[in-house]
Amino acid sequence: RNAHLIEAAGIDGVGVGFVCADPVTGKQLDISPYVIDAG
């Protein structure tokens, strides 16, 4: 959605996150905060 804005900003890269379905709620979540807490 925002590739054109990122390109216009003149930067070379950003922080990317993978999402994954929560096993309880099914909601798609950014998984990086849960790597170390994973059950």
Full PDB file with SEQRES, HELIX, SHEET, SSBOND, CRYST1, ORIGX, SCALE, CONECT and MASTER records, all heavy atoms in Angstrom:
SEQRES   1 A   39  ARG ASN ALA HIS LEU ILE GLU ALA ALA GLY ILE ASP GLY          
SEQRES   2 A   39  VAL GLY VAL GLY PHE VAL CYS ALA ASP PRO VAL THR GLY          
SEQRES   3 A   39  LYS GLN LEU ASP ILE SER PRO TYR VAL ILE ASP ALA GLY          
HELIX    1 AA1 ALA A    3  ALA A    9  1                                   7    
HELIX    2 AA2 SER A   32  TYR A   34  5                                   3    
SHEET    1 AA1 2 VAL A  19  ALA A  21  0                                        
SHEET    2 AA1 2 GLN A  28  ASP A  30 -1                                        
CRYST1    1.000    1.000    1.000  90.00  90.00  90.00 P 1           1          
ORIGX1      1.000000  0.000000  0.000000        0.00000                         
ORIGX2      0.000000  1.000000  0.000000        0.00000                         
ORIGX3      0.000000  0.000000  1.000000        0.00000                         
SCALE1      1.000000  0.000000  0.000000        0.00000                         
SCALE2      0.000000  1.000000  0.000000        0.00000                         
SCALE3      0.000000  0.000000  1.000000        0.00000                         
ATOM      1  N   ARG A   1       0.817  -1.222   0.000  1.00  0.00           N  
ATOM      2  CA  ARG A   1       0.000   0.000   0.000  1.00  0.00           C  
ATOM      3  C   ARG A   1       0.846   1.265   0.000  1.00  0.00           C  
ATOM      4  O   ARG A   1       0.438   2.298  -0.531  1.00  0.00           O  
ATOM      5  CB  ARG A   1      -0.921   0.017   1.229  1.00  0.00           C  
ATOM      6  CG  ARG A   1      -2.129  -0.887   1.135  1.00  0.00           C  
ATOM      7  CD  ARG A   1      -3.146  -0.537   2.218  1.00  0.00           C  
ATOM      8  NE  ARG A   1      -2.599  -0.757   3.546  1.00  0.00           N  
ATOM      9  CZ  ARG A   1      -2.778  -1.885   4.247  1.00  0.00           C  
ATOM     10  NH1 ARG A   1      -3.493  -2.868   3.726  1.00  0.00           N  
ATOM     11  NH2 ARG A   1      -2.264  -2.014   5.451  1.00  0.00           N  
ATOM     12  N   ASN A   2       2.023   1.194   0.623  1.00  0.00           N  
ATOM     13  CA  ASN A   2       2.810   2.420   0.852  1.00  0.00           C  
ATOM     14  C   ASN A   2       4.144   2.445   0.123  1.00  0.00           C  
ATOM     15  O   ASN A   2       4.980   3.309   0.410  1.00  0.00           O  
ATOM     16  CB  ASN A   2       3.049   2.588   2.355  1.00  0.00           C  
ATOM     17  CG  ASN A   2       1.754   2.751   3.123  1.00  0.00           C  
ATOM     18  OD1 ASN A   2       1.106   3.787   3.041  1.00  0.00           O  
ATOM     19  ND2 ASN A   2       1.364   1.722   3.872  1.00  0.00           N  
ATOM     20  N   ALA A   3       4.345   1.532  -0.813  1.00  0.00           N  
ATOM     21  CA  ALA A   3       5.639   1.456  -1.512  1.00  0.00           C  
ATOM     22  C   ALA A   3       5.992   2.778  -2.184  1.00  0.00           C  
ATOM     23  O   ALA A   3       7.157   3.198  -2.179  1.00  0.00           O  
ATOM     24  CB  ALA A   3       5.621   0.328  -2.530  1.00  0.00           C  
ATOM     25  N   HIS A   4       5.004   3.466  -2.769  1.00  0.00           N  
ATOM     26  CA  HIS A   4       5.285   4.722  -3.467  1.00  0.00           C  
ATOM     27  C   HIS A   4       5.744   5.810  -2.494  1.00  0.00           C  
ATOM     28  O   HIS A   4       6.607   6.636  -2.829  1.00  0.00           O  
ATOM     29  CB  HIS A   4       4.049   5.186  -4.243  1.00  0.00           C  
ATOM     30  CG  HIS A   4       2.866   5.504  -3.387  1.00  0.00           C  
ATOM     31  ND1 HIS A   4       2.173   4.540  -2.665  1.00  0.00           N  
ATOM     32  CD2 HIS A   4       2.242   6.692  -3.119  1.00  0.00           C  
ATOM     33  CE1 HIS A   4       1.182   5.110  -2.008  1.00  0.00           C  
ATOM     34  NE2 HIS A   4       1.201   6.409  -2.246  1.00  0.00           N  
ATOM     35  N   LEU A   5       5.201   5.803  -1.274  1.00  0.00           N  
ATOM     36  CA  LEU A   5       5.618   6.793  -0.270  1.00  0.00           C  
ATOM     37  C   LEU A   5       7.023   6.483   0.240  1.00  0.00           C  
ATOM     38  O   LEU A   5       7.838   7.386   0.468  1.00  0.00           O  
ATOM     39  CB  LEU A   5       4.632   6.783   0.904  1.00  0.00           C  
ATOM     40  CG  LEU A   5       3.195   7.185   0.584  1.00  0.00           C  
ATOM     41  CD1 LEU A   5       2.307   7.010   1.809  1.00  0.00           C  
ATOM     42  CD2 LEU A   5       3.142   8.631   0.079  1.00  0.00           C  
ATOM     43  N   ILE A   6       7.309   5.193   0.430  1.00  0.00           N  
ATOM     44  CA  ILE A   6       8.640   4.795   0.904  1.00  0.00           C  
ATOM     45  C   ILE A   6       9.686   5.150  -0.141  1.00  0.00           C  
ATOM     46  O   ILE A   6      10.757   5.675   0.178  1.00  0.00           O  
ATOM     47  CB  ILE A   6       8.655   3.290   1.228  1.00  0.00           C  
ATOM     48  CG1 ILE A   6       7.712   2.995   2.399  1.00  0.00           C  
ATOM     49  CG2 ILE A   6      10.074   2.813   1.552  1.00  0.00           C  
ATOM     50  CD1 ILE A   6       7.470   1.522   2.649  1.00  0.00           C  
ATOM     51  N   GLU A   7       9.388   4.880  -1.399  1.00  0.00           N  
ATOM     52  CA  GLU A   7      10.333   5.206  -2.469  1.00  0.00           C  
ATOM     53  C   GLU A   7      10.581   6.702  -2.533  1.00  0.00           C  
ATOM     54  O   GLU A   7      11.715   7.162  -2.693  1.00  0.00           O  
ATOM     55  CB  GLU A   7       9.800   4.693  -3.798  1.00  0.00           C  
ATOM     56  CG  GLU A   7      10.757   4.917  -4.957  1.00  0.00           C  
ATOM     57  CD  GLU A   7      10.294   4.253  -6.247  1.00  0.00           C  
ATOM     58  OE1 GLU A   7       9.299   3.498  -6.198  1.00  0.00           O  
ATOM     59  OE2 GLU A   7      10.927   4.487  -7.281  1.00  0.00           O  
ATOM     60  N   ALA A   8       9.527   7.493  -2.375  1.00  0.00           N  
ATOM     61  CA  ALA A   8       9.657   8.956  -2.431  1.00  0.00           C  
ATOM     62  C   ALA A   8      10.481   9.494  -1.269  1.00  0.00           C  
ATOM     63  O   ALA A   8      11.084  10.567  -1.367  1.00  0.00           O  
ATOM     64  CB  ALA A   8       8.278   9.609  -2.435  1.00  0.00           C  
ATOM     65  N   ALA A   9      10.530   8.758  -0.152  1.00  0.00           N  
ATOM     66  CA  ALA A   9      11.275   9.215   1.028  1.00  0.00           C  
ATOM     67  C   ALA A   9      12.783   9.108   0.831  1.00  0.00           C  
ATOM     68  O   ALA A   9      13.551   9.674   1.612  1.00  0.00           O  
ATOM     69  CB  ALA A   9      10.852   8.412   2.255  1.00  0.00           C  
ATOM     70  N   GLY A  10      13.227   8.353  -0.165  1.00  0.00           N  
ATOM     71  CA  GLY A  10      14.653   8.251  -0.445  1.00  0.00           C  
ATOM     72  C   GLY A  10      15.412   7.345   0.499  1.00  0.00           C  
ATOM     73  O   GLY A  10      16.637   7.470   0.637  1.00  0.00           O  
ATOM     74  N   ILE A  11      14.717   6.408   1.147  1.00  0.00           N  
ATOM     75  CA  ILE A  11      15.403   5.482   2.053  1.00  0.00           C  
ATOM     76  C   ILE A  11      15.695   4.170   1.320  1.00  0.00           C  
ATOM     77  O   ILE A  11      15.240   3.946   0.202  1.00  0.00           O  
ATOM     78  CB  ILE A  11      14.568   5.214   3.321  1.00  0.00           C  
ATOM     79  CG1 ILE A  11      13.209   4.610   2.956  1.00  0.00           C  
ATOM     80  CG2 ILE A  11      14.401   6.493   4.121  1.00  0.00           C  
ATOM     81  CD1 ILE A  11      12.353   4.286   4.158  1.00  0.00           C  
ATOM     82  N   ASP A  12      16.469   3.298   1.995  1.00  0.00           N  
ATOM     83  CA  ASP A  12      16.894   2.048   1.368  1.00  0.00           C  
ATOM     84  C   ASP A  12      16.206   0.812   1.939  1.00  0.00           C  
ATOM     85  O   ASP A  12      16.278  -0.264   1.334  1.00  0.00           O  
ATOM     86  CB  ASP A  12      18.416   1.884   1.525  1.00  0.00           C  
ATOM     87  CG  ASP A  12      19.169   3.013   0.854  1.00  0.00           C  
ATOM     88  OD1 ASP A  12      19.165   3.062  -0.383  1.00  0.00           O  
ATOM     89  OD2 ASP A  12      19.750   3.857   1.570  1.00  0.00           O  
ATOM     90  N   GLY A  13      15.574   0.934   3.102  1.00  0.00           N  
ATOM     91  CA  GLY A  13      14.940  -0.232   3.688  1.00  0.00           C  
ATOM     92  C   GLY A  13      14.150   0.130   4.928  1.00  0.00           C  
ATOM     93  O   GLY A  13      14.306   1.218   5.491  1.00  0.00           O  
ATOM     94  N   VAL A  14      13.307  -0.810   5.360  1.00  0.00           N  
ATOM     95  CA  VAL A  14      12.451  -0.602   6.527  1.00  0.00           C  
ATOM     96  C   VAL A  14      12.430  -1.871   7.376  1.00  0.00           C  
ATOM     97  O   VAL A  14      12.981  -2.902   6.991  1.00  0.00           O  
ATOM     98  CB  VAL A  14      11.005  -0.234   6.100  1.00  0.00           C  
ATOM     99  CG1 VAL A  14      10.970   1.073   5.339  1.00  0.00           C  
ATOM    100  CG2 VAL A  14      10.385  -1.368   5.260  1.00  0.00           C  
ATOM    101  N   GLY A  15      11.753  -1.778   8.518  1.00  0.00           N  
ATOM    102  CA  GLY A  15      11.547  -2.944   9.369  1.00  0.00           C  
ATOM    103  C   GLY A  15      10.302  -3.695   8.936  1.00  0.00           C  
ATOM    104  O   GLY A  15       9.209  -3.136   8.914  1.00  0.00           O  
ATOM    105  N   VAL A  16      10.489  -4.950   8.560  1.00  0.00           N  
ATOM    106  CA  VAL A  16       9.411  -5.777   8.035  1.00  0.00           C  
ATOM    107  C   VAL A  16       8.988  -6.776   9.102  1.00  0.00           C  
ATOM    108  O   VAL A  16       9.827  -7.275   9.861  1.00  0.00           O  
ATOM    109  CB  VAL A  16       9.881  -6.529   6.776  1.00  0.00           C  
ATOM    110  CG1 VAL A  16       8.811  -7.473   6.261  1.00  0.00           C  
ATOM    111  CG2 VAL A  16      10.290  -5.540   5.696  1.00  0.00           C  
ATOM    112  N   GLY A  17       7.698  -7.091   9.154  1.00  0.00           N  
ATOM    113  CA  GLY A  17       7.219  -8.087  10.110  1.00  0.00           C  
ATOM    114  C   GLY A  17       6.406  -9.166   9.430  1.00  0.00           C  
ATOM    115  O   GLY A  17       5.676  -8.889   8.477  1.00  0.00           O  
ATOM    116  N   PHE A  18       6.539 -10.386   9.901  1.00  0.00           N  
ATOM    117  CA  PHE A  18       5.673 -11.464   9.449  1.00  0.00           C  
ATOM    118  C   PHE A  18       4.454 -11.522  10.366  1.00  0.00           C  
ATOM    119  O   PHE A  18       4.541 -11.220  11.552  1.00  0.00           O  
ATOM    120  CB  PHE A  18       6.407 -12.803   9.478  1.00  0.00           C  
ATOM    121  CG  PHE A  18       7.525 -12.880   8.479  1.00  0.00           C  
ATOM    122  CD1 PHE A  18       8.838 -12.988   8.897  1.00  0.00           C  
ATOM    123  CD2 PHE A  18       7.258 -12.840   7.122  1.00  0.00           C  
ATOM    124  CE1 PHE A  18       9.869 -13.048   7.977  1.00  0.00           C  
ATOM    125  CE2 PHE A  18       8.286 -12.894   6.196  1.00  0.00           C  
ATOM    126  CZ  PHE A  18       9.595 -12.998   6.616  1.00  0.00           C  
ATOM    127  N   VAL A  19       3.337 -11.922   9.800  1.00  0.00           N  
ATOM    128  CA  VAL A  19       2.145 -12.101  10.609  1.00  0.00           C  
ATOM    129  C   VAL A  19       1.776 -13.576  10.640  1.00  0.00           C  
ATOM    130  O   VAL A  19       2.143 -14.345   9.756  1.00  0.00           O  
ATOM    131  CB  VAL A  19       0.957 -11.262  10.076  1.00  0.00           C  
ATOM    132  CG1 VAL A  19       1.257  -9.786  10.176  1.00  0.00           C  
ATOM    133  CG2 VAL A  19       0.609 -11.636   8.648  1.00  0.00           C  
ATOM    134  N   CYS A  20       1.078 -13.949  11.688  1.00  0.00           N  
ATOM    135  CA  CYS A  20       0.722 -15.346  11.886  1.00  0.00           C  
ATOM    136  C   CYS A  20      -0.587 -15.388  12.657  1.00  0.00           C  
ATOM    137  O   CYS A  20      -0.846 -14.531  13.501  1.00  0.00           O  
ATOM    138  CB  CYS A  20       1.822 -16.058  12.667  1.00  0.00           C  
ATOM    139  SG  CYS A  20       1.786 -17.843  12.550  1.00  0.00           S  
ATOM    140  N   ALA A  21      -1.421 -16.382  12.383  1.00  0.00           N  
ATOM    141  CA  ALA A  21      -2.706 -16.483  13.074  1.00  0.00           C  
ATOM    142  C   ALA A  21      -2.507 -16.891  14.522  1.00  0.00           C  
ATOM    143  O   ALA A  21      -1.787 -17.850  14.818  1.00  0.00           O  
ATOM    144  CB  ALA A  21      -3.596 -17.498  12.365  1.00  0.00           C  
ATOM    145  N   ASP A  22      -3.126 -16.139  15.434  1.00  0.00           N  
ATOM    146  CA  ASP A  22      -3.115 -16.515  16.842  1.00  0.00           C  
ATOM    147  C   ASP A  22      -3.861 -17.846  16.999  1.00  0.00           C  
ATOM    148  O   ASP A  22      -4.990 -17.986  16.523  1.00  0.00           O  
ATOM    149  CB  ASP A  22      -3.807 -15.427  17.670  1.00  0.00           C  
ATOM    150  CG  ASP A  22      -3.740 -15.704  19.152  1.00  0.00           C  
ATOM    151  OD1 ASP A  22      -4.485 -16.590  19.611  1.00  0.00           O  
ATOM    152  OD2 ASP A  22      -2.962 -15.035  19.844  1.00  0.00           O  
ATOM    153  N   PRO A  23      -3.231 -18.848  17.657  1.00  0.00           N  
ATOM    154  CA  PRO A  23      -3.873 -20.161  17.748  1.00  0.00           C  
ATOM    155  C   PRO A  23      -5.172 -20.154  18.542  1.00  0.00           C  
ATOM    156  O   PRO A  23      -5.999 -21.056  18.388  1.00  0.00           O  
ATOM    157  CB  PRO A  23      -2.810 -21.021  18.445  1.00  0.00           C  
ATOM    158  CG  PRO A  23      -1.901 -20.064  19.122  1.00  0.00           C  
ATOM    159  CD  PRO A  23      -1.916 -18.827  18.290  1.00  0.00           C  
ATOM    160  N   VAL A  24      -5.395 -19.127  19.379  1.00  0.00           N  
ATOM    161  CA  VAL A  24      -6.606 -19.070  20.196  1.00  0.00           C  
ATOM    162  C   VAL A  24      -7.704 -18.259  19.500  1.00  0.00           C  
ATOM    163  O   VAL A  24      -8.827 -18.724  19.310  1.00  0.00           O  
ATOM    164  CB  VAL A  24      -6.308 -18.472  21.584  1.00  0.00           C  
ATOM    165  CG1 VAL A  24      -7.584 -18.341  22.401  1.00  0.00           C  
ATOM    166  CG2 VAL A  24      -5.278 -19.323  22.310  1.00  0.00           C  
ATOM    167  N   THR A  25      -7.355 -17.038  19.078  1.00  0.00           N  
ATOM    168  CA  THR A  25      -8.369 -16.138  18.516  1.00  0.00           C  
ATOM    169  C   THR A  25      -8.452 -16.212  16.990  1.00  0.00           C  
ATOM    170  O   THR A  25      -9.455 -15.802  16.409  1.00  0.00           O  
ATOM    171  CB  THR A  25      -8.067 -14.686  18.904  1.00  0.00           C  
ATOM    172  OG1 THR A  25      -6.826 -14.281  18.285  1.00  0.00           O  
ATOM    173  CG2 THR A  25      -7.943 -14.547  20.411  1.00  0.00           C  
ATOM    174  N   GLY A  26      -7.407 -16.710  16.357  1.00  0.00           N  
ATOM    175  CA  GLY A  26      -7.375 -16.734  14.900  1.00  0.00           C  
ATOM    176  C   GLY A  26      -7.000 -15.398  14.286  1.00  0.00           C  
ATOM    177  O   GLY A  26      -6.823 -15.281  13.072  1.00  0.00           O  
ATOM    178  N   LYS A  27      -6.818 -14.366  15.106  1.00  0.00           N  
ATOM    179  CA  LYS A  27      -6.471 -13.035  14.612  1.00  0.00           C  
ATOM    180  C   LYS A  27      -5.042 -13.016  14.088  1.00  0.00           C  
ATOM    181  O   LYS A  27      -4.149 -13.622  14.669  1.00  0.00           O  
ATOM    182  CB  LYS A  27      -6.622 -12.012  15.743  1.00  0.00           C  
ATOM    183  CG  LYS A  27      -6.357 -10.583  15.330  1.00  0.00           C  
ATOM    184  CD  LYS A  27      -6.527  -9.632  16.518  1.00  0.00           C  
ATOM    185  CE  LYS A  27      -6.224  -8.195  16.119  1.00  0.00           C  
ATOM    186  NZ  LYS A  27      -6.349  -7.266  17.271  1.00  0.00           N  
ATOM    187  N   GLN A  28      -4.832 -12.319  12.963  1.00  0.00           N  
ATOM    188  CA  GLN A  28      -3.495 -12.207  12.404  1.00  0.00           C  
ATOM    189  C   GLN A  28      -2.681 -11.191  13.213  1.00  0.00           C  
ATOM    190  O   GLN A  28      -3.088 -10.040  13.369  1.00  0.00           O  
ATOM    191  CB  GLN A  28      -3.564 -11.762  10.933  1.00  0.00           C  
ATOM    192  CG  GLN A  28      -4.230 -12.766  10.012  1.00  0.00           C  
ATOM    193  CD  GLN A  28      -3.389 -14.009   9.801  1.00  0.00           C  
ATOM    194  OE1 GLN A  28      -2.205 -14.029  10.094  1.00  0.00           O  
ATOM    195  NE2 GLN A  28      -4.003 -15.061   9.294  1.00  0.00           N  
ATOM    196  N   LEU A  29      -1.546 -11.618  13.719  1.00  0.00           N  
ATOM    197  CA  LEU A  29      -0.711 -10.778  14.568  1.00  0.00           C  
ATOM    198  C   LEU A  29       0.702 -10.678  14.014  1.00  0.00           C  
ATOM    199  O   LEU A  29       1.206 -11.619  13.391  1.00  0.00           O  
ATOM    200  CB  LEU A  29      -0.627 -11.378  15.985  1.00  0.00           C  
ATOM    201  CG  LEU A  29      -1.938 -11.544  16.756  1.00  0.00           C  
ATOM    202  CD1 LEU A  29      -1.666 -12.320  18.040  1.00  0.00           C  
ATOM    203  CD2 LEU A  29      -2.547 -10.188  17.073  1.00  0.00           C  
ATOM    204  N   ASP A  30       1.327  -9.520  14.243  1.00  0.00           N  
ATOM    205  CA  ASP A  30       2.771  -9.395  14.002  1.00  0.00           C  
ATOM    206  C   ASP A  30       3.467 -10.345  14.974  1.00  0.00           C  
ATOM    207  O   ASP A  30       3.298 -10.231  16.191  1.00  0.00           O  
ATOM    208  CB  ASP A  30       3.194  -7.945  14.248  1.00  0.00           C  
ATOM    209  CG  ASP A  30       4.699  -7.734  14.141  1.00  0.00           C  
ATOM    210  OD1 ASP A  30       5.420  -8.686  13.810  1.00  0.00           O  
ATOM    211  OD2 ASP A  30       5.147  -6.610  14.413  1.00  0.00           O  
ATOM    212  N   ILE A  31       4.234 -11.292  14.463  1.00  0.00           N  
ATOM    213  CA  ILE A  31       4.748 -12.336  15.351  1.00  0.00           C  
ATOM    214  C   ILE A  31       6.032 -11.959  16.085  1.00  0.00           C  
ATOM    215  O   ILE A  31       6.410 -12.625  17.045  1.00  0.00           O  
ATOM    216  CB  ILE A  31       4.992 -13.659  14.596  1.00  0.00           C  
ATOM    217  CG1 ILE A  31       6.037 -13.485  13.484  1.00  0.00           C  
ATOM    218  CG2 ILE A  31       3.686 -14.195  14.040  1.00  0.00           C  
ATOM    219  CD1 ILE A  31       6.348 -14.775  12.754  1.00  0.00           C  
ATOM    220  N   SER A  32       6.688 -10.867  15.677  1.00  0.00           N  
ATOM    221  CA  SER A  32       7.989 -10.571  16.286  1.00  0.00           C  
ATOM    222  C   SER A  32       7.931 -10.357  17.799  1.00  0.00           C  
ATOM    223  O   SER A  32       8.841 -10.791  18.511  1.00  0.00           O  
ATOM    224  CB  SER A  32       8.655  -9.376  15.600  1.00  0.00           C  
ATOM    225  OG  SER A  32       7.885  -8.207  15.709  1.00  0.00           O  
ATOM    226  N   PRO A  33       6.867  -9.720  18.364  1.00  0.00           N  
ATOM    227  CA  PRO A  33       6.878  -9.576  19.830  1.00  0.00           C  
ATOM    228  C   PRO A  33       6.678 -10.892  20.571  1.00  0.00           C  
ATOM    229  O   PRO A  33       6.875 -10.965  21.778  1.00  0.00           O  
ATOM    230  CB  PRO A  33       5.691  -8.632  20.098  1.00  0.00           C  
ATOM    231  CG  PRO A  33       5.391  -7.985  18.795  1.00  0.00           C  
ATOM    232  CD  PRO A  33       5.757  -8.993  17.758  1.00  0.00           C  
ATOM    233  N   TYR A  34       6.273 -11.935  19.833  1.00  0.00           N  
ATOM    234  CA  TYR A  34       5.914 -13.186  20.493  1.00  0.00           C  
ATOM    235  C   TYR A  34       6.952 -14.293  20.303  1.00  0.00           C  
ATOM    236  O   TYR A  34       6.739 -15.421  20.729  1.00  0.00           O  
ATOM    237  CB  TYR A  34       4.553 -13.662  19.974  1.00  0.00           C  
ATOM    238  CG  TYR A  34       3.473 -12.631  20.190  1.00  0.00           C  
ATOM    239  CD1 TYR A  34       3.118 -11.760  19.171  1.00  0.00           C  
ATOM    240  CD2 TYR A  34       2.850 -12.496  21.433  1.00  0.00           C  
ATOM    241  CE1 TYR A  34       2.155 -10.787  19.369  1.00  0.00           C  
ATOM    242  CE2 TYR A  34       1.884 -11.519  21.637  1.00  0.00           C  
ATOM    243  CZ  TYR A  34       1.540 -10.665  20.603  1.00  0.00           C  
ATOM    244  OH  TYR A  34       0.603  -9.694  20.816  1.00  0.00           O  
ATOM    245  N   VAL A  35       8.065 -13.973  19.661  1.00  0.00           N  
ATOM    246  CA  VAL A  35       9.079 -14.998  19.408  1.00  0.00           C  
ATOM    247  C   VAL A  35       9.556 -15.609  20.716  1.00  0.00           C  
ATOM    248  O   VAL A  35       9.616 -16.831  20.877  1.00  0.00           O  
ATOM    249  CB  VAL A  35      10.280 -14.406  18.629  1.00  0.00           C  
ATOM    250  CG1 VAL A  35      11.390 -15.433  18.505  1.00  0.00           C  
ATOM    251  CG2 VAL A  35       9.840 -13.940  17.257  1.00  0.00           C  
ATOM    252  N   ILE A  36       9.907 -14.764  21.664  1.00  0.00           N  
ATOM    253  CA  ILE A  36      10.495 -15.261  22.909  1.00  0.00           C  
ATOM    254  C   ILE A  36       9.424 -15.736  23.889  1.00  0.00           C  
ATOM    255  O   ILE A  36       9.695 -16.533  24.789  1.00  0.00           O  
ATOM    256  CB  ILE A  36      11.387 -14.174  23.551  1.00  0.00           C  
ATOM    257  CG1 ILE A  36      12.378 -14.806  24.539  1.00  0.00           C  
ATOM    258  CG2 ILE A  36      10.557 -13.083  24.208  1.00  0.00           C  
ATOM    259  CD1 ILE A  36      13.483 -13.887  24.982  1.00  0.00           C  
ATOM    260  N   ASP A  37       8.187 -15.291  23.719  1.00  0.00           N  
ATOM    261  CA  ASP A  37       7.094 -15.689  24.611  1.00  0.00           C  
ATOM    262  C   ASP A  37       6.274 -16.856  24.067  1.00  0.00           C  
ATOM    263  O   ASP A  37       5.273 -17.239  24.656  1.00  0.00           O  
ATOM    264  CB  ASP A  37       6.130 -14.510  24.834  1.00  0.00           C  
ATOM    265  CG  ASP A  37       6.750 -13.425  25.705  1.00  0.00           C  
ATOM    266  OD1 ASP A  37       7.566 -13.763  26.570  1.00  0.00           O  
ATOM    267  OD2 ASP A  37       6.423 -12.244  25.513  1.00  0.00           O  
ATOM    268  N   ALA A  38       6.679 -17.386  22.933  1.00  0.00           N  
ATOM    269  CA  ALA A  38       5.835 -18.350  22.224  1.00  0.00           C  
ATOM    270  C   ALA A  38       5.509 -19.569  23.077  1.00  0.00           C  
ATOM    271  O   ALA A  38       6.385 -20.169  23.697  1.00  0.00           O  
ATOM    272  CB  ALA A  38       6.531 -18.802  20.948  1.00  0.00           C  
ATOM    273  N   GLY A  39       4.231 -19.927  23.062  1.00  0.00           N  
ATOM    274  CA  GLY A  39       3.816 -21.119  23.788  1.00  0.00           C  
ATOM    275  C   GLY A  39       3.830 -22.359  22.920  1.00  0.00           C  
ATOM    276  O   GLY A  39       3.571 -23.461  23.399  1.00  0.00           O  
TER     277      GLY A  39                                                      
MASTER        0    0    0    2    2    0    0    6  276    1    0    3          
END                                                                             
